[in-house]
Amino acid sequence: MTTPLLELDDVHQTYRPKGSIFSRGPAGLVHAISGVTLTINSGETVGVVGESGCGKSTLARMVVGIEDPKQGAVRWKGADVSTLRGPERKAFHRSIQLIFQDPFASLDPRRTVGQSIAEGILAHDLVPGDAVEDRVQQLLRQVGLLPVHARRYPHEFSGGQLQRVGIARALGVEPEVLVCDEPVSALDVSVRAQVLNLLNQLKTELGLAIVFIAHDLDVVQHMSDRIVTMYLGKIVEQGPCDAVYESAGHPYTRALLSAVPKKPAPGYRIDRVVLEGDPPSPINPPPGCPFHTRCYAAIAKCSTVVPPSVDLGDGHRATCHLAEEVSRSRVGQPYSVV
């Protein structure tokens, strides 16, 4: 069996809340990530979805090695990332690059974009010094910009152009994985499709694996081979994109899909799920299923018994007591009323 490119094995991440000058802060730990197990294979795009605060960005920071998990292991090509030192750690950081949500904030306003792109190339000594400028210009052309743009500063670009610069900077060190943390949510709708199509094109040309984090399920569907749904720091569903969108097995995934605007054909209607209330506190998560306090399908044991991960076939799994029944339901899907 082929070793995954990247693997998260029962990963946990907690933080101690900071107090203020008026208080010590709440007692206990924030459980940002709780027992996440995930594999990422070469050349695939894994979409990660969920509400704000569900742990998506924390997951991204652990994937790229900015943070080590408090428990569990992150493995790169079979090696535990926390044990990597010196040149091996440097090679790992080169192999996984992060594309940020706010492209302007991710660039130094006092440096030209050419200098920002060249920084990683020089740090990893990838090309001779006299060839760096040519490499920067090649990267700019690759992402749809002009070589002359290398001399300009970030404030001279639009948001879409800056995100292309961010992609060029990430590609400069020749990575194997791109972690895209809400890469188009700060962009105008008119340029989102251009950036998404660019990422898909680069994935095909360079054989990249992509971890695509977003809250817009239409965007995730366009980008992903596999979908991962997170809620309160846990993975509650994952599987092939088509399977999750057509027969989601977790009520939370159903609710997210139901929130996507759709206009059914004449003679059809959609039963939409409207979630009430806010997610529970990650400092004191509820017992049993973490989603039971907002779930439209909850039964008595959901509040006391942790649900199993149910195999729905072809790598599609949902952590729910009623996963099989939910996957067969029509909630959130068009159905005929004729």
C-alpha atoms as a PDB file:
ATOM      1  CA  MET A   1       0.000   0.000   0.000  1.00  0.00           C
ATOM      2  CA  THR A   2       1.422   3.429  -0.961  1.00  0.00           C
ATOM      3  CA  THR A   3       2.515   5.650   1.941  1.00  0.00           C
ATOM      4  CA  PRO A   4       0.406   8.837   2.108  1.00  0.00           C
ATOM      5  CA  LEU A   5       2.196  12.076   1.359  1.00  0.00           C
ATOM      6  CA  LEU A   6       0.900  13.569   4.616  1.00  0.00           C
ATOM      7  CA  GLU A   7      -0.877  11.859   7.494  1.00  0.00           C
ATOM      8  CA  LEU A   8      -2.483  13.147  10.684  1.00  0.00           C
ATOM      9  CA  ASP A   9      -2.902  10.389  13.257  1.00  0.00           C
ATOM     10  CA  ASP A  10      -5.278  11.077  16.184  1.00  0.00           C
ATOM     11  CA  VAL A  11      -4.116  14.691  16.410  1.00  0.00           C
ATOM     12  CA  HIS A  12      -5.137  16.935  19.322  1.00  0.00           C
ATOM     13  CA  GLN A  13      -4.410  20.628  19.830  1.00  0.00           C
ATOM     14  CA  THR A  14      -5.324  22.660  22.903  1.00  0.00           C
ATOM     15  CA  TYR A  15      -4.694  26.238  24.011  1.00  0.00           C
ATOM     16  CA  ARG A  16      -4.821  27.903  27.388  1.00  0.00           C
ATOM     17  CA  PRO A  17      -7.067  30.991  27.200  1.00  0.00           C
ATOM     18  CA  LYS A  18      -5.336  34.283  27.859  1.00  0.00           C
ATOM     19  CA  GLY A  19      -6.712  36.573  30.507  1.00  0.00           C
ATOM     20  CA  SER A  20      -6.980  40.342  30.394  1.00  0.00           C
ATOM     21  CA  ILE A  21      -6.093  43.116  32.820  1.00  0.00           C
ATOM     22  CA  PHE A  22      -9.573  42.665  34.290  1.00  0.00           C
ATOM     23  CA  SER A  23      -9.702  38.876  34.590  1.00  0.00           C
ATOM     24  CA  ARG A  24      -7.628  35.729  34.487  1.00  0.00           C
ATOM     25  CA  GLY A  25      -9.674  34.289  31.644  1.00  0.00           C
ATOM     26  CA  PRO A  26     -11.886  31.208  31.744  1.00  0.00           C
ATOM     27  CA  ALA A  27     -10.659  28.068  33.410  1.00  0.00           C
ATOM     28  CA  GLY A  28      -9.820  25.018  31.351  1.00  0.00           C
ATOM     29  CA  LEU A  29      -8.321  24.474  27.907  1.00  0.00           C
ATOM     30  CA  VAL A  30      -9.658  25.361  24.468  1.00  0.00           C
ATOM     31  CA  HIS A  31      -9.978  22.084  22.546  1.00  0.00           C
ATOM     32  CA  ALA A  32      -9.250  23.403  19.048  1.00  0.00           C
ATOM     33  CA  ILE A  33      -8.572  19.998  17.463  1.00  0.00           C
ATOM     34  CA  SER A  34      -9.753  16.717  19.009  1.00  0.00           C
ATOM     35  CA  GLY A  35      -8.756  13.339  17.590  1.00  0.00           C
ATOM     36  CA  VAL A  36      -8.381  14.242  13.915  1.00  0.00           C
ATOM     37  CA  THR A  37      -7.140  11.464  11.622  1.00  0.00           C
ATOM     38  CA  LEU A  38      -6.614  12.394   7.985  1.00  0.00           C
ATOM     39  CA  THR A  39      -4.468  11.368   5.016  1.00  0.00           C
ATOM     40  CA  ILE A  40      -3.481  13.465   2.008  1.00  0.00           C
ATOM     41  CA  ASN A  41      -2.212  11.693  -1.091  1.00  0.00           C
ATOM     42  CA  SER A  42      -0.062  13.001  -3.903  1.00  0.00           C
ATOM     43  CA  GLY A  43      -1.967  14.910  -6.589  1.00  0.00           C
ATOM     44  CA  GLU A  44      -5.335  15.137  -4.800  1.00  0.00           C
ATOM     45  CA  THR A  45      -7.298  18.101  -3.479  1.00  0.00           C
ATOM     46  CA  VAL A  46      -8.851  17.681  -0.044  1.00  0.00           C
ATOM     47  CA  GLY A  47     -11.526  20.253   0.785  1.00  0.00           C
ATOM     48  CA  VAL A  48     -12.020  21.122   4.475  1.00  0.00           C
ATOM     49  CA  VAL A  49     -15.325  22.796   5.372  1.00  0.00           C
ATOM     50  CA  GLY A  50     -17.081  23.978   8.506  1.00  0.00           C
ATOM     51  CA  GLU A  51     -18.261  27.045  10.391  1.00  0.00           C
ATOM     52  CA  SER A  52     -15.878  29.660  11.774  1.00  0.00           C
ATOM     53  CA  GLY A  53     -14.189  28.322  14.895  1.00  0.00           C
ATOM     54  CA  CYS A  54     -14.445  24.643  13.940  1.00  0.00           C
ATOM     55  CA  GLY A  55     -10.640  24.199  13.802  1.00  0.00           C
ATOM     56  CA  LYS A  56      -9.884  24.561  10.084  1.00  0.00           C
ATOM     57  CA  SER A  57      -7.084  27.122  10.438  1.00  0.00           C
ATOM     58  CA  THR A  58      -5.576  25.295  13.414  1.00  0.00           C
ATOM     59  CA  LEU A  59      -5.510  22.184  11.243  1.00  0.00           C
ATOM     60  CA  ALA A  60      -3.713  24.168   8.527  1.00  0.00           C
ATOM     61  CA  ARG A  61      -1.045  25.380  10.964  1.00  0.00           C
ATOM     62  CA  MET A  62      -0.315  21.830  12.085  1.00  0.00           C
ATOM     63  CA  VAL A  63      -0.188  20.527   8.517  1.00  0.00           C
ATOM     64  CA  VAL A  64       2.471  23.069   7.526  1.00  0.00           C
ATOM     65  CA  GLY A  65       4.444  22.555  10.739  1.00  0.00           C
ATOM     66  CA  ILE A  66       3.864  25.978  12.305  1.00  0.00           C
ATOM     67  CA  GLU A  67       2.504  24.155  15.374  1.00  0.00           C
ATOM     68  CA  ASP A  68       3.170  20.659  16.678  1.00  0.00           C
ATOM     69  CA  PRO A  69       0.167  18.766  18.094  1.00  0.00           C
ATOM     70  CA  LYS A  70      -0.196  18.313  21.831  1.00  0.00           C
ATOM     71  CA  GLN A  71      -1.108  14.680  21.190  1.00  0.00           C
ATOM     72  CA  GLY A  72      -0.929  12.383  18.162  1.00  0.00           C
ATOM     73  CA  ALA A  73       1.418  12.668  15.199  1.00  0.00           C
ATOM     74  CA  VAL A  74       1.748  14.491  11.904  1.00  0.00           C
ATOM     75  CA  ARG A  75       3.725  12.340   9.454  1.00  0.00           C
ATOM     76  CA  TRP A  76       5.402  13.458   6.244  1.00  0.00           C
ATOM     77  CA  LYS A  77       6.070  10.509   3.917  1.00  0.00           C
ATOM     78  CA  GLY A  78       5.978   8.228   6.961  1.00  0.00           C
ATOM     79  CA  ALA A  79       8.298  10.311   9.194  1.00  0.00           C
ATOM     80  CA  ASP A  80       6.992  12.020  12.345  1.00  0.00           C
ATOM     81  CA  VAL A  81       7.360  15.763  11.691  1.00  0.00           C
ATOM     82  CA  SER A  82       8.063  16.512  15.373  1.00  0.00           C
ATOM     83  CA  THR A  83      11.263  14.429  15.168  1.00  0.00           C
ATOM     84  CA  LEU A  84      12.655  16.203  12.102  1.00  0.00           C
ATOM     85  CA  ARG A  85      15.662  18.411  12.759  1.00  0.00           C
ATOM     86  CA  GLY A  86      18.056  20.572  10.750  1.00  0.00           C
ATOM     87  CA  PRO A  87      18.094  19.918   6.995  1.00  0.00           C
ATOM     88  CA  GLU A  88      15.207  17.418   7.229  1.00  0.00           C
ATOM     89  CA  ARG A  89      12.946  19.962   8.931  1.00  0.00           C
ATOM     90  CA  LYS A  90      13.957  22.604   6.400  1.00  0.00           C
ATOM     91  CA  ALA A  91      13.145  20.227   3.530  1.00  0.00           C
ATOM     92  CA  PHE A  92       9.731  19.526   5.074  1.00  0.00           C
ATOM     93  CA  HIS A  93       8.899  23.238   5.338  1.00  0.00           C
ATOM     94  CA  ARG A  94       9.936  23.696   1.727  1.00  0.00           C
ATOM     95  CA  SER A  95       7.638  20.855   0.611  1.00  0.00           C
ATOM     96  CA  ILE A  96       4.455  22.309   2.179  1.00  0.00           C
ATOM     97  CA  GLN A  97       3.541  25.925   1.500  1.00  0.00           C
ATOM     98  CA  LEU A  98       0.679  28.029   2.867  1.00  0.00           C
ATOM     99  CA  ILE A  99      -1.447  30.448   0.840  1.00  0.00           C
ATOM    100  CA  PHE A 100      -3.124  32.954   3.150  1.00  0.00           C
ATOM    101  CA  GLN A 101      -6.629  34.403   3.242  1.00  0.00           C
ATOM    102  CA  ASP A 102      -5.501  38.042   3.093  1.00  0.00           C
ATOM    103  CA  PRO A 103      -2.877  38.383   0.362  1.00  0.00           C
ATOM    104  CA  PHE A 104      -1.956  41.969   1.277  1.00  0.00           C
ATOM    105  CA  ALA A 105      -1.295  41.161   4.944  1.00  0.00           C
ATOM    106  CA  SER A 106       0.913  38.218   3.944  1.00  0.00           C
ATOM    107  CA  LEU A 107       3.360  40.432   1.990  1.00  0.00           C
ATOM    108  CA  ASP A 108       5.910  42.946   3.314  1.00  0.00           C
ATOM    109  CA  PRO A 109       4.719  46.357   2.059  1.00  0.00           C
ATOM    110  CA  ARG A 110       8.309  47.682   2.099  1.00  0.00           C
ATOM    111  CA  ARG A 111       9.582  45.093  -0.370  1.00  0.00           C
ATOM    112  CA  THR A 112       8.820  44.651  -4.043  1.00  0.00           C
ATOM    113  CA  VAL A 113       6.867  41.534  -4.939  1.00  0.00           C
ATOM    114  CA  GLY A 114       9.957  40.284  -6.776  1.00  0.00           C
ATOM    115  CA  GLN A 115      11.958  40.454  -3.551  1.00  0.00           C
ATOM    116  CA  SER A 116       9.199  38.610  -1.664  1.00  0.00           C
ATOM    117  CA  ILE A 117       9.067  35.836  -4.266  1.00  0.00           C
ATOM    118  CA  ALA A 118      12.862  35.554  -4.338  1.00  0.00           C
ATOM    119  CA  GLU A 119      13.152  35.200  -0.559  1.00  0.00           C
ATOM    120  CA  GLY A 120      12.259  31.492  -0.457  1.00  0.00           C
ATOM    121  CA  ILE A 121      14.341  30.710  -3.540  1.00  0.00           C
ATOM    122  CA  LEU A 122      17.415  32.264  -1.903  1.00  0.00           C
ATOM    123  CA  ALA A 123      16.743  30.683   1.510  1.00  0.00           C
ATOM    124  CA  HIS A 124      16.719  27.200  -0.011  1.00  0.00           C
ATOM    125  CA  ASP A 125      19.508  27.939  -2.526  1.00  0.00           C
ATOM    126  CA  LEU A 126      17.443  26.530  -5.403  1.00  0.00           C
ATOM    127  CA  VAL A 127      19.085  28.390  -8.301  1.00  0.00           C
ATOM    128  CA  PRO A 128      22.380  30.278  -8.742  1.00  0.00           C
ATOM    129  CA  GLY A 129      22.307  33.908  -7.615  1.00  0.00           C
ATOM    130  CA  ASP A 130      22.462  35.326 -11.131  1.00  0.00           C
ATOM    131  CA  ALA A 131      19.437  33.222 -12.168  1.00  0.00           C
ATOM    132  CA  VAL A 132      17.083  34.301  -9.373  1.00  0.00           C
ATOM    133  CA  GLU A 133      15.630  37.235 -11.304  1.00  0.00           C
ATOM    134  CA  ASP A 134      14.849  35.019 -14.302  1.00  0.00           C
ATOM    135  CA  ARG A 135      13.204  32.476 -11.988  1.00  0.00           C
ATOM    136  CA  VAL A 136      11.034  35.191 -10.396  1.00  0.00           C
ATOM    137  CA  GLN A 137       9.919  36.410 -13.805  1.00  0.00           C
ATOM    138  CA  GLN A 138       9.115  32.839 -14.861  1.00  0.00           C
ATOM    139  CA  LEU A 139       6.951  32.371 -11.756  1.00  0.00           C
ATOM    140  CA  LEU A 140       5.093  35.616 -12.416  1.00  0.00           C
ATOM    141  CA  ARG A 141       4.294  34.493 -15.959  1.00  0.00           C
ATOM    142  CA  GLN A 142       3.193  31.098 -14.623  1.00  0.00           C
ATOM    143  CA  VAL A 143       0.518  32.726 -12.447  1.00  0.00           C
ATOM    144  CA  GLY A 144      -0.688  35.111 -15.150  1.00  0.00           C
ATOM    145  CA  LEU A 145       1.282  38.263 -14.273  1.00  0.00           C
ATOM    146  CA  LEU A 146       3.950  40.176 -16.212  1.00  0.00           C
ATOM    147  CA  PRO A 147       7.701  40.135 -15.488  1.00  0.00           C
ATOM    148  CA  VAL A 148       7.631  43.929 -15.035  1.00  0.00           C
ATOM    149  CA  HIS A 149       5.379  43.428 -11.997  1.00  0.00           C
ATOM    150  CA  ALA A 150       8.424  42.166 -10.049  1.00  0.00           C
ATOM    151  CA  ARG A 151       9.505  45.804  -9.486  1.00  0.00           C
ATOM    152  CA  ARG A 152       6.198  46.935  -8.004  1.00  0.00           C
ATOM    153  CA  TYR A 153       5.076  47.064  -4.373  1.00  0.00           C
ATOM    154  CA  PRO A 154       2.025  45.297  -2.895  1.00  0.00           C
ATOM    155  CA  HIS A 155      -0.079  48.480  -2.679  1.00  0.00           C
ATOM    156  CA  GLU A 156       0.098  48.798  -6.480  1.00  0.00           C
ATOM    157  CA  PHE A 157      -1.883  45.577  -7.060  1.00  0.00           C
ATOM    158  CA  SER A 158      -5.507  44.506  -6.800  1.00  0.00           C
ATOM    159  CA  GLY A 159      -6.557  41.741  -4.415  1.00  0.00           C
ATOM    160  CA  GLY A 160      -6.692  39.128  -7.168  1.00  0.00           C
ATOM    161  CA  GLN A 161      -3.235  40.090  -8.440  1.00  0.00           C
ATOM    162  CA  LEU A 162      -1.804  39.936  -4.917  1.00  0.00           C
ATOM    163  CA  GLN A 163      -3.185  36.431  -4.438  1.00  0.00           C
ATOM    164  CA  ARG A 164      -1.419  35.436  -7.663  1.00  0.00           C
ATOM    165  CA  VAL A 165       1.778  36.888  -6.180  1.00  0.00           C
ATOM    166  CA  GLY A 166       1.204  34.785  -3.064  1.00  0.00           C
ATOM    167  CA  ILE A 167       0.798  31.681  -5.205  1.00  0.00           C
ATOM    168  CA  ALA A 168       3.980  32.525  -7.137  1.00  0.00           C
ATOM    169  CA  ARG A 169       5.872  32.931  -3.855  1.00  0.00           C
ATOM    170  CA  ALA A 170       4.658  29.518  -2.674  1.00  0.00           C
ATOM    171  CA  LEU A 171       5.587  27.870  -5.981  1.00  0.00           C
ATOM    172  CA  GLY A 172       9.071  29.396  -5.873  1.00  0.00           C
ATOM    173  CA  VAL A 173      10.367  26.713  -3.498  1.00  0.00           C
ATOM    174  CA  GLU A 174       8.890  23.884  -5.622  1.00  0.00           C
ATOM    175  CA  PRO A 175       6.501  22.430  -3.017  1.00  0.00           C
ATOM    176  CA  GLU A 176       4.571  19.182  -3.172  1.00  0.00           C
ATOM    177  CA  VAL A 177       1.581  20.399  -1.117  1.00  0.00           C
ATOM    178  CA  LEU A 178      -0.248  23.746  -1.095  1.00  0.00           C
ATOM    179  CA  VAL A 179      -2.375  24.528   1.956  1.00  0.00           C
ATOM    180  CA  CYS A 180      -4.906  27.160   0.913  1.00  0.00           C
ATOM    181  CA  ASP A 181      -6.589  28.774   3.932  1.00  0.00           C
ATOM    182  CA  GLU A 182      -9.686  30.573   2.598  1.00  0.00           C
ATOM    183  CA  PRO A 183      -7.679  31.787  -0.444  1.00  0.00           C
ATOM    184  CA  VAL A 184     -10.580  33.480  -2.258  1.00  0.00           C
ATOM    185  CA  SER A 185     -12.887  34.640   0.539  1.00  0.00           C
ATOM    186  CA  ALA A 186     -11.276  38.113   0.616  1.00  0.00           C
ATOM    187  CA  LEU A 187     -11.521  38.545  -3.171  1.00  0.00           C
ATOM    188  CA  ASP A 188     -14.229  40.041  -5.334  1.00  0.00           C
ATOM    189  CA  VAL A 189     -16.610  37.497  -6.793  1.00  0.00           C
ATOM    190  CA  SER A 190     -15.505  38.451 -10.308  1.00  0.00           C
ATOM    191  CA  VAL A 191     -11.913  37.283  -9.713  1.00  0.00           C
ATOM    192  CA  ARG A 192     -12.534  34.227  -7.513  1.00  0.00           C
ATOM    193  CA  ALA A 193     -13.081  31.911 -10.477  1.00  0.00           C
ATOM    194  CA  GLN A 194      -9.831  33.090 -12.074  1.00  0.00           C
ATOM    195  CA  VAL A 195      -7.789  32.229  -8.962  1.00  0.00           C
ATOM    196  CA  LEU A 196      -9.567  28.875  -8.503  1.00  0.00           C
ATOM    197  CA  ASN A 197      -8.988  27.907 -12.127  1.00  0.00           C
ATOM    198  CA  LEU A 198      -5.329  28.906 -11.760  1.00  0.00           C
ATOM    199  CA  LEU A 199      -4.947  26.599  -8.744  1.00  0.00           C
ATOM    200  CA  ASN A 200      -6.554  23.707 -10.634  1.00  0.00           C
ATOM    201  CA  GLN A 201      -4.315  24.352 -13.622  1.00  0.00           C
ATOM    202  CA  LEU A 202      -1.169  24.385 -11.459  1.00  0.00           C
ATOM    203  CA  LYS A 203      -2.283  21.220  -9.681  1.00  0.00           C
ATOM    204  CA  THR A 204      -2.503  19.419 -13.045  1.00  0.00           C
ATOM    205  CA  GLU A 205       0.728  20.860 -14.464  1.00  0.00           C
ATOM    206  CA  LEU A 206       2.896  20.383 -11.368  1.00  0.00           C
ATOM    207  CA  GLY A 207       1.255  17.333  -9.756  1.00  0.00           C
ATOM    208  CA  LEU A 208       0.512  19.241  -6.549  1.00  0.00           C
ATOM    209  CA  ALA A 209      -1.587  18.048  -3.642  1.00  0.00           C
ATOM    210  CA  ILE A 210      -3.859  20.779  -2.252  1.00  0.00           C
ATOM    211  CA  VAL A 211      -5.547  21.166   1.124  1.00  0.00           C
ATOM    212  CA  PHE A 212      -8.330  23.641   0.361  1.00  0.00           C
ATOM    213  CA  ILE A 213      -9.953  25.231   3.415  1.00  0.00           C
ATOM    214  CA  ALA A 214     -13.157  27.187   2.853  1.00  0.00           C
ATOM    215  CA  HIS A 215     -16.675  27.794   4.118  1.00  0.00           C
ATOM    216  CA  ASP A 216     -18.198  28.163   0.632  1.00  0.00           C
ATOM    217  CA  LEU A 217     -19.333  24.680  -0.368  1.00  0.00           C
ATOM    218  CA  ASP A 218     -19.831  25.607  -4.019  1.00  0.00           C
ATOM    219  CA  VAL A 219     -16.156  26.592  -4.211  1.00  0.00           C
ATOM    220  CA  VAL A 220     -15.082  23.421  -2.390  1.00  0.00           C
ATOM    221  CA  GLN A 221     -17.113  21.253  -4.757  1.00  0.00           C
ATOM    222  CA  HIS A 222     -15.446  22.914  -7.747  1.00  0.00           C
ATOM    223  CA  MET A 223     -11.965  22.292  -6.333  1.00  0.00           C
ATOM    224  CA  SER A 224     -11.982  19.036  -4.400  1.00  0.00           C
ATOM    225  CA  ASP A 225     -11.560  15.323  -4.961  1.00  0.00           C
ATOM    226  CA  ARG A 226     -12.379  14.570  -1.331  1.00  0.00           C
ATOM    227  CA  ILE A 227     -14.402  16.492   1.287  1.00  0.00           C
ATOM    228  CA  VAL A 228     -13.751  16.704   5.036  1.00  0.00           C
ATOM    229  CA  THR A 229     -16.403  18.281   7.300  1.00  0.00           C
ATOM    230  CA  MET A 230     -15.271  19.610  10.691  1.00  0.00           C
ATOM    231  CA  TYR A 231     -17.346  20.568  13.702  1.00  0.00           C
ATOM    232  CA  LEU A 232     -15.999  21.704  17.085  1.00  0.00           C
ATOM    233  CA  GLY A 233     -12.498  20.431  16.323  1.00  0.00           C
ATOM    234  CA  LYS A 234     -13.575  17.004  15.078  1.00  0.00           C
ATOM    235  CA  ILE A 235     -13.983  15.447  11.645  1.00  0.00           C
ATOM    236  CA  VAL A 236     -17.637  14.431  11.459  1.00  0.00           C
ATOM    237  CA  GLU A 237     -17.687  13.319   7.807  1.00  0.00           C
ATOM    238  CA  GLN A 238     -15.260  12.665   4.969  1.00  0.00           C
ATOM    239  CA  GLY A 239     -15.417  10.999   1.599  1.00  0.00           C
ATOM    240  CA  PRO A 240     -15.268  11.452  -2.174  1.00  0.00           C
ATOM    241  CA  CYS A 241     -16.706  14.777  -3.277  1.00  0.00           C
ATOM    242  CA  ASP A 242     -19.629  13.360  -5.278  1.00  0.00           C
ATOM    243  CA  ALA A 243     -20.634  10.942  -2.514  1.00  0.00           C
ATOM    244  CA  VAL A 244     -20.684  13.622   0.177  1.00  0.00           C
ATOM    245  CA  TYR A 245     -22.642  16.095  -1.938  1.00  0.00           C
ATOM    246  CA  GLU A 246     -25.185  13.540  -3.192  1.00  0.00           C
ATOM    247  CA  SER A 247     -25.755  11.507  -0.005  1.00  0.00           C
ATOM    248  CA  ALA A 248     -24.205  13.227   3.013  1.00  0.00           C
ATOM    249  CA  GLY A 249     -24.379  11.004   6.090  1.00  0.00           C
ATOM    250  CA  HIS A 250     -24.032  13.601   8.850  1.00  0.00           C
ATOM    251  CA  PRO A 251     -26.800  16.101   9.713  1.00  0.00           C
ATOM    252  CA  TYR A 252     -24.234  18.909  10.001  1.00  0.00           C
ATOM    253  CA  THR A 253     -22.987  18.327   6.459  1.00  0.00           C
ATOM    254  CA  ARG A 254     -26.640  18.280   5.357  1.00  0.00           C
ATOM    255  CA  ALA A 255     -27.146  21.647   7.039  1.00  0.00           C
ATOM    256  CA  LEU A 256     -24.098  23.144   5.305  1.00  0.00           C
ATOM    257  CA  LEU A 257     -25.263  21.843   1.931  1.00  0.00           C
ATOM    258  CA  SER A 258     -28.765  23.106   2.596  1.00  0.00           C
ATOM    259  CA  ALA A 259     -27.383  26.616   3.141  1.00  0.00           C
ATOM    260  CA  VAL A 260     -26.000  26.751  -0.413  1.00  0.00           C
ATOM    261  CA  PRO A 261     -28.430  28.802  -2.545  1.00  0.00           C
ATOM    262  CA  LYS A 262     -30.179  26.567  -5.075  1.00  0.00           C
ATOM    263  CA  LYS A 263     -33.095  27.110  -7.389  1.00  0.00           C
ATOM    264  CA  PRO A 264     -34.822  23.783  -7.981  1.00  0.00           C
ATOM    265  CA  ALA A 265     -36.392  22.991 -11.326  1.00  0.00           C
ATOM    266  CA  PRO A 266     -40.136  23.620 -11.783  1.00  0.00           C
ATOM    267  CA  GLY A 267     -42.154  20.999  -9.938  1.00  0.00           C
ATOM    268  CA  TYR A 268     -39.417  20.424  -7.323  1.00  0.00           C
ATOM    269  CA  ARG A 269     -38.734  21.816  -3.869  1.00  0.00           C
ATOM    270  CA  ILE A 270     -36.027  21.564  -1.205  1.00  0.00           C
ATOM    271  CA  ASP A 271     -36.412  20.864   2.506  1.00  0.00           C
ATOM    272  CA  ARG A 272     -33.836  23.201   3.988  1.00  0.00           C
ATOM    273  CA  VAL A 273     -32.133  22.748   7.363  1.00  0.00           C
ATOM    274  CA  VAL A 274     -31.950  25.889   9.504  1.00  0.00           C
ATOM    275  CA  LEU A 275     -29.550  25.475  12.435  1.00  0.00           C
ATOM    276  CA  GLU A 276     -30.499  27.246  15.634  1.00  0.00           C
ATOM    277  CA  GLY A 277     -28.123  28.513  18.274  1.00  0.00           C
ATOM    278  CA  ASP A 278     -24.342  28.754  18.282  1.00  0.00           C
ATOM    279  CA  PRO A 279     -21.744  25.970  18.443  1.00  0.00           C
ATOM    280  CA  PRO A 280     -20.913  24.893  22.016  1.00  0.00           C
ATOM    281  CA  SER A 281     -17.823  26.269  23.730  1.00  0.00           C
ATOM    282  CA  PRO A 282     -14.601  24.421  22.809  1.00  0.00           C
ATOM    283  CA  ILE A 283     -13.544  24.935  26.449  1.00  0.00           C
ATOM    284  CA  ASN A 284     -16.367  22.709  27.660  1.00  0.00           C
ATOM    285  CA  PRO A 285     -17.590  20.561  24.737  1.00  0.00           C
ATOM    286  CA  PRO A 286     -20.808  18.616  25.319  1.00  0.00           C
ATOM    287  CA  PRO A 287     -20.799  14.857  26.016  1.00  0.00           C
ATOM    288  CA  GLY A 288     -21.787  12.368  23.353  1.00  0.00           C
ATOM    289  CA  CYS A 289     -22.042  13.782  19.840  1.00  0.00           C
ATOM    290  CA  PRO A 290     -20.741  17.377  19.790  1.00  0.00           C
ATOM    291  CA  PHE A 291     -23.480  18.347  17.320  1.00  0.00           C
ATOM    292  CA  HIS A 292     -26.450  16.977  19.272  1.00  0.00           C
ATOM    293  CA  THR A 293     -27.331  20.382  20.802  1.00  0.00           C
ATOM    294  CA  ARG A 294     -28.219  21.738  17.320  1.00  0.00           C
ATOM    295  CA  CYS A 295     -29.106  18.568  15.411  1.00  0.00           C
ATOM    296  CA  TYR A 296     -32.506  18.204  13.757  1.00  0.00           C
ATOM    297  CA  ALA A 297     -32.241  14.390  13.831  1.00  0.00           C
ATOM    298  CA  ALA A 298     -30.871  13.877  17.370  1.00  0.00           C
ATOM    299  CA  ILE A 299     -32.103  10.930  19.440  1.00  0.00           C
ATOM    300  CA  ALA A 300     -31.684  10.241  23.167  1.00  0.00           C
ATOM    301  CA  LYS A 301     -28.310   8.487  23.042  1.00  0.00           C
ATOM    302  CA  CYS A 302     -26.739  11.301  20.984  1.00  0.00           C
ATOM    303  CA  SER A 303     -26.382  13.331  24.203  1.00  0.00           C
ATOM    304  CA  THR A 304     -24.509  10.620  26.097  1.00  0.00           C
ATOM    305  CA  VAL A 305     -22.854   8.165  23.686  1.00  0.00           C
ATOM    306  CA  VAL A 306     -20.005   9.167  21.359  1.00  0.00           C
ATOM    307  CA  PRO A 307     -21.130   8.092  17.866  1.00  0.00           C
ATOM    308  CA  PRO A 308     -19.068   5.613  15.840  1.00  0.00           C
ATOM    309  CA  SER A 309     -17.522   6.336  12.462  1.00  0.00           C
ATOM    310  CA  VAL A 310     -19.909   4.599  10.059  1.00  0.00           C
ATOM    311  CA  ASP A 311     -18.608   3.279   6.733  1.00  0.00           C
ATOM    312  CA  LEU A 312     -20.996   4.330   3.955  1.00  0.00           C
ATOM    313  CA  GLY A 313     -18.897   2.740   1.203  1.00  0.00           C
ATOM    314  CA  ASP A 314     -16.080   3.802  -1.138  1.00  0.00           C
ATOM    315  CA  GLY A 315     -14.191   5.673   1.565  1.00  0.00           C
ATOM    316  CA  HIS A 316     -17.231   7.695   2.645  1.00  0.00           C
ATOM    317  CA  ARG A 317     -17.552   7.803   6.453  1.00  0.00           C
ATOM    318  CA  ALA A 318     -19.755   9.780   8.840  1.00  0.00           C
ATOM    319  CA  THR A 319     -19.538   9.981  12.625  1.00  0.00           C
ATOM    320  CA  CYS A 320     -23.212   9.721  13.482  1.00  0.00           C
ATOM    321  CA  HIS A 321     -25.539   7.187  15.123  1.00  0.00           C
ATOM    322  CA  LEU A 322     -27.985   7.675  12.230  1.00  0.00           C
ATOM    323  CA  ALA A 323     -25.478   7.991   9.377  1.00  0.00           C
ATOM    324  CA  GLU A 324     -27.108   5.395   7.137  1.00  0.00           C
ATOM    325  CA  GLU A 325     -30.593   6.838   7.632  1.00  0.00           C
ATOM    326  CA  VAL A 326     -29.380  10.415   7.068  1.00  0.00           C
ATOM    327  CA  SER A 327     -27.509   9.438   3.886  1.00  0.00           C
ATOM    328  CA  ARG A 328     -30.780   8.067   2.443  1.00  0.00           C
ATOM    329  CA  SER A 329     -32.866  11.094   3.422  1.00  0.00           C
ATOM    330  CA  ARG A 330     -33.881  13.878   1.035  1.00  0.00           C
ATOM    331  CA  VAL A 331     -33.170  16.753   3.429  1.00  0.00           C
ATOM    332  CA  GLY A 332     -31.337  19.476   1.529  1.00  0.00           C
ATOM    333  CA  GLN A 333     -31.917  17.749  -1.816  1.00  0.00           C
ATOM    334  CA  PRO A 334     -34.467  18.624  -4.526  1.00  0.00           C
ATOM    335  CA  TYR A 335     -37.475  16.317  -4.716  1.00  0.00           C
ATOM    336  CA  SER A 336     -40.563  16.239  -6.878  1.00  0.00           C
ATOM    337  CA  VAL A 337     -43.841  17.651  -5.635  1.00  0.00           C
ATOM    338  CA  VAL A 338     -45.713  16.937  -8.861  1.00  0.00           C
END
